[in-house]
Amino acid sequence: MDARRRPAVLGVAVGGVLAGHWLTYLAVSPTSHARTALLHDTGHAYLGLANDVGLLVVMAAFAAIFLGRLTARGFDSVAGITSRIVGFQVGAFLAMEVLERITAGAPLTALAHHLLLPVGIAVQIGVALLASAVIRWLLRLADRVASAMAAGAASPPRPVTVFALPTGTFVPAGRELFATGVRGPPTDR
């Protein structure tokens, strides 16, 4: 993959990790009270800010992918991108859960409770596949826009009428009622 595009794909994957993390906790602890207690006990105080920043990163990454495709062809295969995003998201999710437990002083054995790891891994894979589908759509859209732009640049520009003035002789309203025949020049008397 072109080194210029790696940060954009990484940005999508980072956002995917945060989205998958949030969805995992929704799945394993569906009630708000229980989820809040579980998040508090496991070192998730930072999560609100991280999710906000992650959303901004993902939007910027999608824009970079689209604009990058418009300006340069030859993006890596979608399958390669998908496998990288899945691998990153699963690994980052596992590392995130371990680090959260360590910083909160919670036992690592708690990771086995609530089906957190299997659900989390499955959710991360699903989010990564969705992100890859969005990337594929953005790349196809960028290809179509680039083709349309190239086709437009190849043809000569068409003149565009912004404002047209009427042509012909101007006759003030009412004057035509008194005109008879052909008029000559004024006479000097």
Foldseek 3Di string as FASTA:
>chain_A
DPPVLVQLLVLLLQLLLLVLLVVLLCVLPVDPVVSVVVCVLQQNPCSVVSNVVSVVSNVVSLVCLLVVLLVDPDDDDLVVSLVVSLVSSLVVNVVVSVVSNVVSVHDPVCCPPSCRNVSSSVSSNVSSVVSSVSSVVSNVVSVVVSVVVVVCVVDDDDDDDPDDDDDDDDDPPPPVVPDDDDDDDDDDD
